[in-house]
Amino acid sequence: MDYSLVIAAAQAAGPCPVGEEPSWGRRVHALTVDLHLIAQQAAQDIDRLESASRFVAFLEDVGIEESSRRGLLTLRSPAGETEHIRTEQQETDRGRDLIERARGLRGRWVLVFRYNEKASATRSVRMLAHLMDLGDGAIAVNLAKKILLDDADGAVPRAQAAWTEAGLPDSGAVSVEQLQQARAGLRGE
């Protein structure tokens, strides 16, 4: 038997007060069980991460899907394609944590850890296992133009006008704020 969890629980419980050995022992026992359950969940999460596919994307938006109450992330690949990926339900600790983390990373490049969850016998859903922050939201001009063109429903003149009106460059990179300004101009804000 591995006693490392019992040792960790005893350290967490602190010194045993004189005369309180039975209650201290119960506390150590409860902490040992808690640590075991935490270790099992961590092992499952690590297995999920190890088998997840990884890709880099720009985290554009985070919302809540009404039908399932899952977080719904809108990601852009470096090539400009849009992908949607879901979290667990927002009512779960894990779902809530992933949604909060994603909201904090909106407008940044992230490393996405994705796995597929069976939704039915013939369909699977792309699920988020983890996000890692890769840095600020500098966006290549070509990707920013693609995002703006998608916002304009493919209307090139509208997208070009919003781009020019925002004073954005023809090459290099733009900040998230600059792109948001062009998107707001496109919406007439």
N, C-alpha and C. Protein backbone atom coordinates (compact mmCIF):
# COMPACT_ATOMS: atom_id res chain seq x y z
N MET A 1 0.84 -1.19 0.00
CA MET A 1 0.00 0.00 0.00
C MET A 1 0.88 1.25 0.00
N ASP A 2 0.45 2.24 -0.74
CA ASP A 2 1.16 3.52 -0.82
C ASP A 2 0.63 4.44 0.28
N TYR A 3 1.50 4.78 1.21
CA TYR A 3 1.08 5.62 2.34
C TYR A 3 1.32 7.10 2.10
N SER A 4 1.71 7.48 0.90
CA SER A 4 2.03 8.89 0.65
C SER A 4 0.81 9.79 0.84
N LEU A 5 -0.40 9.31 0.50
CA LEU A 5 -1.59 10.13 0.72
C LEU A 5 -1.88 10.31 2.21
N VAL A 6 -1.64 9.26 3.00
CA VAL A 6 -1.85 9.36 4.45
C VAL A 6 -0.86 10.35 5.04
N ILE A 7 0.38 10.29 4.58
CA ILE A 7 1.40 11.22 5.06
C ILE A 7 1.03 12.65 4.69
N ALA A 8 0.59 12.86 3.44
CA ALA A 8 0.18 14.20 3.01
C ALA A 8 -1.02 14.69 3.82
N ALA A 9 -1.97 13.79 4.10
CA ALA A 9 -3.15 14.17 4.89
C ALA A 9 -2.75 14.53 6.32
N ALA A 10 -1.83 13.77 6.90
CA ALA A 10 -1.37 14.06 8.26
C ALA A 10 -0.66 15.40 8.30
N GLN A 11 0.12 15.70 7.28
CA GLN A 11 0.79 17.01 7.22
C GLN A 11 -0.23 18.12 7.08
N ALA A 12 -1.27 17.90 6.28
CA ALA A 12 -2.31 18.91 6.09
C ALA A 12 -3.11 19.12 7.37
N ALA A 13 -3.32 18.05 8.14
CA ALA A 13 -4.09 18.16 9.38
C ALA A 13 -3.30 18.88 10.47
N GLY A 14 -2.00 18.87 10.35
CA GLY A 14 -1.16 19.53 11.35
C GLY A 14 -0.89 18.63 12.53
N PRO A 15 -0.16 19.14 13.51
CA PRO A 15 0.20 18.33 14.68
C PRO A 15 -1.05 17.85 15.42
N CYS A 16 -0.94 16.67 15.98
CA CYS A 16 -2.05 16.10 16.75
C CYS A 16 -2.04 16.69 18.16
N PRO A 17 -3.12 17.41 18.52
CA PRO A 17 -3.17 17.96 19.87
C PRO A 17 -3.26 16.84 20.91
N VAL A 18 -2.61 17.03 22.02
CA VAL A 18 -2.63 16.04 23.09
C VAL A 18 -4.07 15.80 23.54
N GLY A 19 -4.44 14.53 23.60
CA GLY A 19 -5.77 14.15 24.05
C GLY A 19 -6.82 14.17 22.95
N GLU A 20 -6.46 14.59 21.75
CA GLU A 20 -7.44 14.65 20.66
C GLU A 20 -7.08 13.69 19.52
N GLU A 21 -6.41 12.60 19.90
CA GLU A 21 -5.97 11.63 18.90
C GLU A 21 -7.13 11.06 18.07
N PRO A 22 -8.28 10.68 18.69
CA PRO A 22 -9.37 10.11 17.88
C PRO A 22 -9.91 11.10 16.83
N SER A 23 -10.14 12.36 17.22
CA SER A 23 -10.68 13.33 16.25
C SER A 23 -9.63 13.68 15.20
N TRP A 24 -8.36 13.74 15.61
CA TRP A 24 -7.29 14.01 14.65
C TRP A 24 -7.19 12.86 13.65
N GLY A 25 -7.31 11.63 14.12
CA GLY A 25 -7.26 10.46 13.25
C GLY A 25 -8.40 10.46 12.24
N ARG A 26 -9.61 10.87 12.69
CA ARG A 26 -10.74 10.97 11.76
C ARG A 26 -10.49 12.04 10.71
N ARG A 27 -9.89 13.14 11.14
CA ARG A 27 -9.57 14.23 10.20
C ARG A 27 -8.56 13.75 9.16
N VAL A 28 -7.51 13.06 9.60
CA VAL A 28 -6.51 12.53 8.67
C VAL A 28 -7.17 11.54 7.71
N HIS A 29 -8.05 10.69 8.23
CA HIS A 29 -8.75 9.72 7.38
C HIS A 29 -9.58 10.43 6.31
N ALA A 30 -10.35 11.43 6.72
CA ALA A 30 -11.19 12.17 5.77
C ALA A 30 -10.33 12.88 4.71
N LEU A 31 -9.23 13.48 5.14
CA LEU A 31 -8.34 14.15 4.19
C LEU A 31 -7.70 13.15 3.23
N THR A 32 -7.36 11.96 3.72
CA THR A 32 -6.78 10.93 2.87
C THR A 32 -7.75 10.53 1.76
N VAL A 33 -9.02 10.33 2.15
CA VAL A 33 -10.05 9.98 1.16
C VAL A 33 -10.22 11.12 0.15
N ASP A 34 -10.27 12.36 0.65
CA ASP A 34 -10.40 13.52 -0.25
C ASP A 34 -9.23 13.59 -1.23
N LEU A 35 -8.02 13.40 -0.72
CA LEU A 35 -6.83 13.45 -1.59
C LEU A 35 -6.87 12.33 -2.63
N HIS A 36 -7.34 11.16 -2.23
CA HIS A 36 -7.45 10.04 -3.17
C HIS A 36 -8.41 10.39 -4.31
N LEU A 37 -9.57 10.97 -3.97
CA LEU A 37 -10.55 11.35 -4.99
C LEU A 37 -10.00 12.45 -5.90
N ILE A 38 -9.30 13.40 -5.31
CA ILE A 38 -8.67 14.47 -6.10
C ILE A 38 -7.63 13.87 -7.06
N ALA A 39 -6.85 12.92 -6.56
CA ALA A 39 -5.83 12.28 -7.40
C ALA A 39 -6.46 11.50 -8.55
N GLN A 40 -7.59 10.83 -8.28
CA GLN A 40 -8.28 10.11 -9.35
C GLN A 40 -8.77 11.07 -10.43
N GLN A 41 -9.38 12.19 -10.02
CA GLN A 41 -9.88 13.17 -10.99
C GLN A 41 -8.72 13.76 -11.78
N ALA A 42 -7.62 14.07 -11.09
CA ALA A 42 -6.45 14.62 -11.78
C ALA A 42 -5.90 13.62 -12.79
N ALA A 43 -5.89 12.33 -12.44
CA ALA A 43 -5.40 11.31 -13.37
C ALA A 43 -6.29 11.24 -14.62
N GLN A 44 -7.62 11.34 -14.43
CA GLN A 44 -8.53 11.35 -15.57
C GLN A 44 -8.29 12.58 -16.45
N ASP A 45 -8.11 13.74 -15.82
CA ASP A 45 -7.85 14.97 -16.57
C ASP A 45 -6.54 14.88 -17.35
N ILE A 46 -5.52 14.32 -16.73
CA ILE A 46 -4.22 14.17 -17.39
C ILE A 46 -4.33 13.20 -18.57
N ASP A 47 -5.06 12.10 -18.38
CA ASP A 47 -5.28 11.16 -19.49
C ASP A 47 -5.99 11.85 -20.65
N ARG A 48 -6.99 12.67 -20.33
CA ARG A 48 -7.73 13.40 -21.37
C ARG A 48 -6.79 14.35 -22.11
N LEU A 49 -5.92 15.05 -21.36
CA LEU A 49 -4.96 15.96 -22.00
C LEU A 49 -3.96 15.21 -22.87
N GLU A 50 -3.50 14.08 -22.38
CA GLU A 50 -2.50 13.30 -23.13
C GLU A 50 -3.06 12.82 -24.46
N SER A 51 -4.35 12.51 -24.50
CA SER A 51 -4.94 11.99 -25.74
C SER A 51 -5.59 13.08 -26.59
N ALA A 52 -5.63 14.31 -26.08
CA ALA A 52 -6.28 15.41 -26.81
C ALA A 52 -5.45 15.87 -27.99
N SER A 53 -6.14 16.33 -29.02
CA SER A 53 -5.42 16.97 -30.12
C SER A 53 -5.15 18.42 -29.73
N ARG A 54 -4.05 18.95 -30.22
CA ARG A 54 -3.64 20.31 -29.84
C ARG A 54 -3.52 21.15 -31.10
N PHE A 55 -3.96 22.40 -30.99
CA PHE A 55 -3.79 23.33 -32.10
C PHE A 55 -3.80 24.75 -31.57
N VAL A 56 -3.20 25.64 -32.33
CA VAL A 56 -3.13 27.05 -31.97
C VAL A 56 -4.29 27.77 -32.64
N ALA A 57 -4.92 28.67 -31.88
CA ALA A 57 -6.04 29.44 -32.44
C ALA A 57 -6.14 30.77 -31.71
N PHE A 58 -6.84 31.69 -32.34
CA PHE A 58 -7.16 32.98 -31.73
C PHE A 58 -8.53 32.83 -31.09
N LEU A 59 -8.63 33.12 -29.79
CA LEU A 59 -9.90 32.99 -29.07
C LEU A 59 -10.70 34.26 -29.28
N GLU A 60 -11.71 34.15 -30.13
CA GLU A 60 -12.47 35.32 -30.55
C GLU A 60 -13.63 35.64 -29.62
N ASP A 61 -14.37 34.61 -29.17
CA ASP A 61 -15.56 34.87 -28.36
C ASP A 61 -15.86 33.68 -27.46
N VAL A 62 -16.56 33.97 -26.36
CA VAL A 62 -16.99 32.95 -25.42
C VAL A 62 -18.44 33.25 -25.06
N GLY A 63 -19.30 32.28 -25.26
CA GLY A 63 -20.71 32.44 -24.92
C GLY A 63 -21.22 31.18 -24.24
N ILE A 64 -22.51 31.18 -23.95
CA ILE A 64 -23.15 30.01 -23.36
C ILE A 64 -24.20 29.51 -24.34
N GLU A 65 -24.11 28.24 -24.68
CA GLU A 65 -25.07 27.61 -25.58
C GLU A 65 -26.37 27.38 -24.79
N GLU A 66 -27.47 27.97 -25.25
CA GLU A 66 -28.72 27.92 -24.49
C GLU A 66 -29.24 26.50 -24.31
N SER A 67 -29.19 25.69 -25.35
CA SER A 67 -29.79 24.36 -25.28
C SER A 67 -29.08 23.43 -24.31
N SER A 68 -27.77 23.52 -24.22
CA SER A 68 -27.01 22.58 -23.39
C SER A 68 -26.41 23.22 -22.15
N ARG A 69 -26.40 24.55 -22.07
CA ARG A 69 -25.78 25.29 -20.97
C ARG A 69 -24.27 25.05 -20.92
N ARG A 70 -23.69 24.75 -22.08
CA ARG A 70 -22.24 24.58 -22.18
C ARG A 70 -21.62 25.89 -22.64
N GLY A 71 -20.36 26.09 -22.28
CA GLY A 71 -19.63 27.20 -22.84
C GLY A 71 -19.39 26.92 -24.32
N LEU A 72 -19.48 27.96 -25.14
CA LEU A 72 -19.27 27.81 -26.58
C LEU A 72 -18.20 28.82 -26.99
N LEU A 73 -17.03 28.32 -27.37
CA LEU A 73 -15.91 29.17 -27.76
C LEU A 73 -15.85 29.29 -29.27
N THR A 74 -15.60 30.49 -29.75
CA THR A 74 -15.38 30.73 -31.17
C THR A 74 -13.89 30.96 -31.35
N LEU A 75 -13.27 30.10 -32.13
CA LEU A 75 -11.82 30.14 -32.36
C LEU A 75 -11.56 30.42 -33.83
N ARG A 76 -10.43 31.07 -34.09
CA ARG A 76 -9.97 31.30 -35.47
C ARG A 76 -8.61 30.66 -35.62
N SER A 77 -8.47 29.84 -36.64
CA SER A 77 -7.17 29.24 -36.93
C SER A 77 -6.28 30.31 -37.55
N PRO A 78 -4.97 30.10 -37.58
CA PRO A 78 -4.10 31.06 -38.26
C PRO A 78 -4.46 31.26 -39.73
N ALA A 79 -5.12 30.27 -40.35
CA ALA A 79 -5.54 30.40 -41.75
C ALA A 79 -6.86 31.16 -41.87
N GLY A 80 -7.52 31.44 -40.74
CA GLY A 80 -8.74 32.23 -40.76
C GLY A 80 -10.03 31.45 -40.65
N GLU A 81 -9.96 30.12 -40.59
CA GLU A 81 -11.18 29.33 -40.46
C GLU A 81 -11.73 29.44 -39.04
N THR A 82 -13.06 29.45 -38.95
CA THR A 82 -13.74 29.51 -37.66
C THR A 82 -14.03 28.10 -37.17
N GLU A 83 -13.82 27.87 -35.88
CA GLU A 83 -14.18 26.59 -35.26
C GLU A 83 -14.87 26.89 -33.95
N HIS A 84 -15.90 26.11 -33.67
CA HIS A 84 -16.59 26.22 -32.39
C HIS A 84 -16.26 24.98 -31.57
N ILE A 85 -16.05 25.20 -30.29
CA ILE A 85 -15.71 24.11 -29.39
C ILE A 85 -16.46 24.35 -28.08
N ARG A 86 -16.88 23.27 -27.43
CA ARG A 86 -17.71 23.39 -26.24
C ARG A 86 -16.96 22.98 -24.98
N THR A 87 -17.44 23.51 -23.85
CA THR A 87 -16.94 23.08 -22.54
C THR A 87 -18.00 22.17 -21.93
N GLU A 88 -17.72 21.67 -20.75
CA GLU A 88 -18.75 20.97 -20.00
C GLU A 88 -19.79 22.01 -19.57
N GLN A 89 -20.93 21.55 -19.04
CA GLN A 89 -22.00 22.46 -18.63
C GLN A 89 -21.48 23.46 -17.60
N GLN A 90 -22.00 24.69 -17.68
CA GLN A 90 -21.54 25.75 -16.80
C GLN A 90 -21.90 25.48 -15.34
N GLU A 91 -22.83 24.57 -15.06
CA GLU A 91 -23.21 24.26 -13.69
C GLU A 91 -22.18 23.37 -12.99
N THR A 92 -21.29 22.74 -13.77
CA THR A 92 -20.26 21.89 -13.17
C THR A 92 -19.04 22.75 -12.82
N ASP A 93 -18.29 22.30 -11.84
CA ASP A 93 -17.07 23.04 -11.46
C ASP A 93 -16.12 23.15 -12.64
N ARG A 94 -15.91 22.04 -13.32
CA ARG A 94 -14.98 22.03 -14.45
C ARG A 94 -15.47 22.94 -15.58
N GLY A 95 -16.75 22.87 -15.89
CA GLY A 95 -17.31 23.72 -16.93
C GLY A 95 -17.18 25.19 -16.58
N ARG A 96 -17.54 25.53 -15.36
CA ARG A 96 -17.46 26.92 -14.90
C ARG A 96 -16.02 27.42 -14.95
N ASP A 97 -15.07 26.58 -14.50
CA ASP A 97 -13.65 26.98 -14.51
C ASP A 97 -13.15 27.22 -15.94
N LEU A 98 -13.50 26.32 -16.87
CA LEU A 98 -13.05 26.49 -18.26
C LEU A 98 -13.67 27.72 -18.91
N ILE A 99 -14.94 27.99 -18.60
CA ILE A 99 -15.60 29.17 -19.16
C ILE A 99 -14.94 30.44 -18.64
N GLU A 100 -14.68 30.49 -17.33
CA GLU A 100 -14.03 31.67 -16.75
C GLU A 100 -12.63 31.85 -17.32
N ARG A 101 -11.89 30.77 -17.46
CA ARG A 101 -10.54 30.85 -18.03
C ARG A 101 -10.60 31.36 -19.47
N ALA A 102 -11.54 30.82 -20.25
CA ALA A 102 -11.67 31.24 -21.65
C ALA A 102 -12.04 32.72 -21.73
N ARG A 103 -12.94 33.18 -20.87
CA ARG A 103 -13.31 34.60 -20.90
C ARG A 103 -12.10 35.48 -20.61
N GLY A 104 -11.24 35.03 -19.72
CA GLY A 104 -10.03 35.78 -19.41
C GLY A 104 -9.01 35.79 -20.53
N LEU A 105 -9.14 34.85 -21.46
CA LEU A 105 -8.19 34.74 -22.58
C LEU A 105 -8.77 35.24 -23.89
N ARG A 106 -9.96 35.80 -23.86
CA ARG A 106 -10.58 36.33 -25.08
C ARG A 106 -9.66 37.37 -25.70
N GLY A 107 -9.49 37.29 -27.03
CA GLY A 107 -8.63 38.24 -27.73
C GLY A 107 -7.16 37.87 -27.66
N ARG A 108 -6.86 36.61 -27.33
CA ARG A 108 -5.47 36.17 -27.23
C ARG A 108 -5.29 34.89 -28.06
N TRP A 109 -4.05 34.62 -28.40
CA TRP A 109 -3.72 33.36 -29.04
C TRP A 109 -3.60 32.31 -27.96
N VAL A 110 -4.18 31.13 -28.21
CA VAL A 110 -4.19 30.07 -27.20
C VAL A 110 -3.81 28.74 -27.84
N LEU A 111 -3.27 27.87 -27.01
CA LEU A 111 -3.07 26.48 -27.40
C LEU A 111 -4.29 25.73 -26.88
N VAL A 112 -5.04 25.13 -27.80
CA VAL A 112 -6.30 24.47 -27.48
C VAL A 112 -6.05 22.96 -27.38
N PHE A 113 -6.54 22.36 -26.30
CA PHE A 113 -6.50 20.92 -26.14
C PHE A 113 -7.94 20.44 -26.34
N ARG A 114 -8.17 19.68 -27.42
CA ARG A 114 -9.53 19.29 -27.81
C ARG A 114 -9.66 17.78 -27.85
N TYR A 115 -10.84 17.31 -27.40
CA TYR A 115 -11.17 15.89 -27.54
C TYR A 115 -12.59 15.78 -28.07
N ASN A 116 -12.95 14.63 -28.59
CA ASN A 116 -14.30 14.40 -29.11
C ASN A 116 -15.10 13.61 -28.09
N GLU A 117 -16.33 14.07 -27.86
CA GLU A 117 -17.24 13.37 -26.95
C GLU A 117 -18.42 12.88 -27.78
N LYS A 118 -18.78 11.62 -27.61
CA LYS A 118 -19.90 11.07 -28.37
C LYS A 118 -21.20 11.75 -27.93
N ALA A 119 -21.93 12.30 -28.90
CA ALA A 119 -23.23 12.91 -28.62
C ALA A 119 -24.34 11.92 -28.95
N SER A 120 -24.08 11.05 -29.90
CA SER A 120 -25.02 9.99 -30.28
C SER A 120 -24.21 8.90 -30.96
N ALA A 121 -24.90 7.90 -31.45
CA ALA A 121 -24.19 6.79 -32.10
C ALA A 121 -23.44 7.23 -33.35
N THR A 122 -23.92 8.30 -33.99
CA THR A 122 -23.32 8.74 -35.25
C THR A 122 -22.68 10.11 -35.20
N ARG A 123 -22.76 10.78 -34.06
CA ARG A 123 -22.28 12.17 -33.99
C ARG A 123 -21.41 12.37 -32.76
N SER A 124 -20.36 13.16 -32.92
CA SER A 124 -19.53 13.54 -31.78
C SER A 124 -19.40 15.06 -31.73
N VAL A 125 -19.11 15.56 -30.54
CA VAL A 125 -19.00 17.00 -30.30
C VAL A 125 -17.57 17.32 -29.92
N ARG A 126 -17.03 18.41 -30.46
CA ARG A 126 -15.68 18.85 -30.10
C ARG A 126 -15.74 19.50 -28.73
N MET A 127 -14.92 18.99 -27.82
CA MET A 127 -14.93 19.45 -26.44
C MET A 127 -13.57 20.02 -26.04
N LEU A 128 -13.60 21.03 -25.20
CA LEU A 128 -12.39 21.67 -24.70
C LEU A 128 -11.88 20.93 -23.47
N ALA A 129 -10.63 20.51 -23.51
CA ALA A 129 -10.00 19.89 -22.35
C ALA A 129 -9.19 20.92 -21.56
N HIS A 130 -8.56 21.87 -22.28
CA HIS A 130 -7.70 22.85 -21.60
C HIS A 130 -7.32 23.95 -22.58
N LEU A 131 -6.99 25.12 -22.05
CA LEU A 131 -6.47 26.24 -22.84
C LEU A 131 -5.19 26.73 -22.21
N MET A 132 -4.21 27.04 -23.04
CA MET A 132 -2.97 27.67 -22.58
C MET A 132 -2.80 28.99 -23.30
N ASP A 133 -2.48 30.02 -22.55
CA ASP A 133 -2.27 31.36 -23.11
C ASP A 133 -0.95 31.38 -23.87
N LEU A 134 -1.00 31.86 -25.12
CA LEU A 134 0.22 31.97 -25.93
C LEU A 134 0.65 33.41 -26.16
N GLY A 135 -0.12 34.35 -25.68
CA GLY A 135 0.33 35.73 -25.82
C GLY A 135 -0.75 36.69 -26.25
N ASP A 136 -0.32 37.93 -26.42
CA ASP A 136 -1.28 39.00 -26.69
C ASP A 136 -1.96 38.81 -28.03
N GLY A 137 -2.92 39.66 -28.26
CA GLY A 137 -3.80 39.49 -29.40
C GLY A 137 -3.35 40.15 -30.68
N ALA A 138 -2.06 40.21 -30.96
CA ALA A 138 -1.64 40.73 -32.26
C ALA A 138 -2.09 39.74 -33.32
N ILE A 139 -2.78 40.25 -34.32
CA ILE A 139 -3.37 39.39 -35.35
C ILE A 139 -2.76 39.77 -36.69
N ALA A 140 -2.35 38.76 -37.44
CA ALA A 140 -1.82 39.01 -38.78
C ALA A 140 -2.90 39.70 -39.60
N VAL A 141 -2.48 40.65 -40.43
CA VAL A 141 -3.42 41.44 -41.24
C VAL A 141 -4.33 40.54 -42.07
N ASN A 142 -3.78 39.50 -42.70
CA ASN A 142 -4.61 38.62 -43.54
C ASN A 142 -5.71 37.95 -42.73
N LEU A 143 -5.39 37.51 -41.52
CA LEU A 143 -6.41 36.89 -40.66
C LEU A 143 -7.44 37.93 -40.23
N ALA A 144 -6.98 39.12 -39.86
CA ALA A 144 -7.90 40.19 -39.44
C ALA A 144 -8.85 40.56 -40.57
N LYS A 145 -8.33 40.62 -41.80
CA LYS A 145 -9.19 40.93 -42.96
C LYS A 145 -10.22 39.83 -43.17
N LYS A 146 -9.82 38.58 -42.98
CA LYS A 146 -10.76 37.46 -43.14
C LYS A 146 -11.86 37.55 -42.09
N ILE A 147 -11.51 37.88 -40.85
CA ILE A 147 -12.51 38.02 -39.79
C ILE A 147 -13.50 39.12 -40.15
N LEU A 148 -12.98 40.26 -40.60
CA LEU A 148 -13.84 41.39 -40.96
C LEU A 148 -14.73 41.04 -42.15
N LEU A 149 -14.17 40.33 -43.12
CA LEU A 149 -14.96 39.91 -44.29
C LEU A 149 -16.08 38.96 -43.86
N ASP A 150 -15.78 38.04 -42.94
CA ASP A 150 -16.82 37.14 -42.42
C ASP A 150 -17.92 37.93 -41.71
N ASP A 151 -17.51 38.94 -40.93
CA ASP A 151 -18.49 39.80 -40.24
C ASP A 151 -19.37 40.54 -41.24
N ALA A 152 -18.82 40.85 -42.41
CA ALA A 152 -19.57 41.58 -43.45
C ALA A 152 -20.34 40.61 -44.34
N ASP A 153 -20.45 39.34 -43.93
CA ASP A 153 -21.15 38.32 -44.70
C ASP A 153 -20.62 38.21 -46.13
N GLY A 154 -19.31 38.39 -46.29
CA GLY A 154 -18.68 38.24 -47.59
C GLY A 154 -18.74 39.46 -48.49
N ALA A 155 -19.32 40.56 -48.00
CA ALA A 155 -19.43 41.78 -48.80
C ALA A 155 -18.09 42.51 -48.76
N VAL A 156 -17.28 42.29 -49.80
CA VAL A 156 -15.92 42.85 -49.85
C VAL A 156 -15.91 44.37 -49.74
N PRO A 157 -16.75 45.11 -50.48
CA PRO A 157 -16.70 46.57 -50.37
C PRO A 157 -16.99 47.08 -48.94
N ARG A 158 -17.95 46.45 -48.25
CA ARG A 158 -18.25 46.85 -46.87
C ARG A 158 -17.05 46.60 -45.96
N ALA A 159 -16.44 45.42 -46.09
CA ALA A 159 -15.29 45.08 -45.27
C ALA A 159 -14.12 46.01 -45.55
N GLN A 160 -13.87 46.29 -46.84
CA GLN A 160 -12.77 47.20 -47.20
C GLN A 160 -13.02 48.60 -46.65
N ALA A 161 -14.26 49.07 -46.73
CA ALA A 161 -14.58 50.41 -46.23
C ALA A 161 -14.36 50.49 -44.72
N ALA A 162 -14.78 49.47 -43.99
CA ALA A 162 -14.59 49.46 -42.54
C ALA A 162 -13.11 49.40 -42.19
N TRP A 163 -12.34 48.64 -42.97
CA TRP A 163 -10.89 48.52 -42.76
C TRP A 163 -10.22 49.87 -42.96
N THR A 164 -10.54 50.52 -44.07
CA THR A 164 -9.94 51.81 -44.41
C THR A 164 -10.36 52.88 -43.40
N GLU A 165 -11.63 52.89 -43.05
CA GLU A 165 -12.15 53.88 -42.10
C GLU A 165 -11.46 53.76 -40.74
N ALA A 166 -11.11 52.54 -40.35
CA ALA A 166 -10.42 52.32 -39.07
C ALA A 166 -8.93 52.66 -39.18
N GLY A 167 -8.45 52.93 -40.40
CA GLY A 167 -7.05 53.30 -40.59
C GLY A 167 -6.08 52.15 -40.38
N LEU A 168 -6.50 50.95 -40.72
CA LEU A 168 -5.65 49.78 -40.49
C LEU A 168 -4.66 49.58 -41.64
N PRO A 169 -3.48 49.01 -41.33
CA PRO A 169 -2.42 48.86 -42.34
C PRO A 169 -2.73 47.73 -43.33
N ASP A 170 -2.01 47.74 -44.45
CA ASP A 170 -2.18 46.71 -45.47
C ASP A 170 -1.31 45.48 -45.23
N SER A 171 -0.35 45.58 -44.33
CA SER A 171 0.51 44.44 -44.03
C SER A 171 0.92 44.49 -42.57
N GLY A 172 1.53 43.39 -42.12
CA GLY A 172 1.98 43.31 -40.74
C GLY A 172 0.92 42.72 -39.83
N ALA A 173 0.68 43.39 -38.71
CA ALA A 173 -0.29 42.89 -37.72
C ALA A 173 -1.09 44.06 -37.16
N VAL A 174 -2.25 43.73 -36.62
CA VAL A 174 -3.08 44.73 -35.95
C VAL A 174 -3.40 44.20 -34.56
N SER A 175 -3.71 45.10 -33.66
CA SER A 175 -4.09 44.68 -32.31
C SER A 175 -5.56 44.27 -32.30
N VAL A 176 -5.95 43.57 -31.25
CA VAL A 176 -7.35 43.19 -31.10
C VAL A 176 -8.22 44.43 -31.04
N GLU A 177 -7.73 45.45 -30.34
CA GLU A 177 -8.50 46.70 -30.21
C GLU A 177 -8.73 47.34 -31.58
N GLN A 178 -7.70 47.34 -32.42
CA GLN A 178 -7.85 47.91 -33.76
C GLN A 178 -8.88 47.13 -34.58
N LEU A 179 -8.81 45.81 -34.50
CA LEU A 179 -9.78 44.99 -35.22
C LEU A 179 -11.19 45.23 -34.68
N GLN A 180 -11.32 45.33 -33.36
CA GLN A 180 -12.64 45.56 -32.76
C GLN A 180 -13.20 46.91 -33.21
N GLN A 181 -12.33 47.89 -33.37
CA GLN A 181 -12.76 49.21 -33.86
C GLN A 181 -13.31 49.09 -35.28
N ALA A 182 -12.63 48.33 -36.13
CA ALA A 182 -13.10 48.12 -37.50
C ALA A 182 -14.41 47.34 -37.51
N ARG A 183 -14.53 46.35 -36.62
CA ARG A 183 -15.77 45.56 -36.54
C ARG A 183 -16.93 46.43 -36.07
N ALA A 184 -16.66 47.32 -35.11
CA ALA A 184 -17.70 48.23 -34.63
C ALA A 184 -18.13 49.17 -35.75
N GLY A 185 -17.16 49.66 -36.54
CA GLY A 185 -17.49 50.52 -37.68
C GLY A 185 -18.34 49.79 -38.70
N LEU A 186 -18.07 48.52 -38.90
CA LEU A 186 -18.85 47.71 -39.83
C LEU A 186 -20.30 47.58 -39.35
N ARG A 187 -20.47 47.47 -38.03
CA ARG A 187 -21.82 47.35 -37.46
C ARG A 187 -22.51 48.70 -37.34
N GLY A 188 -21.78 49.79 -37.64
CA GLY A 188 -22.37 51.13 -37.55
C GLY A 188 -22.40 51.69 -36.15
N GLU A 189 -21.52 51.21 -35.30
CA GLU A 189 -21.48 51.69 -33.91
C GLU A 189 -20.60 52.91 -33.78
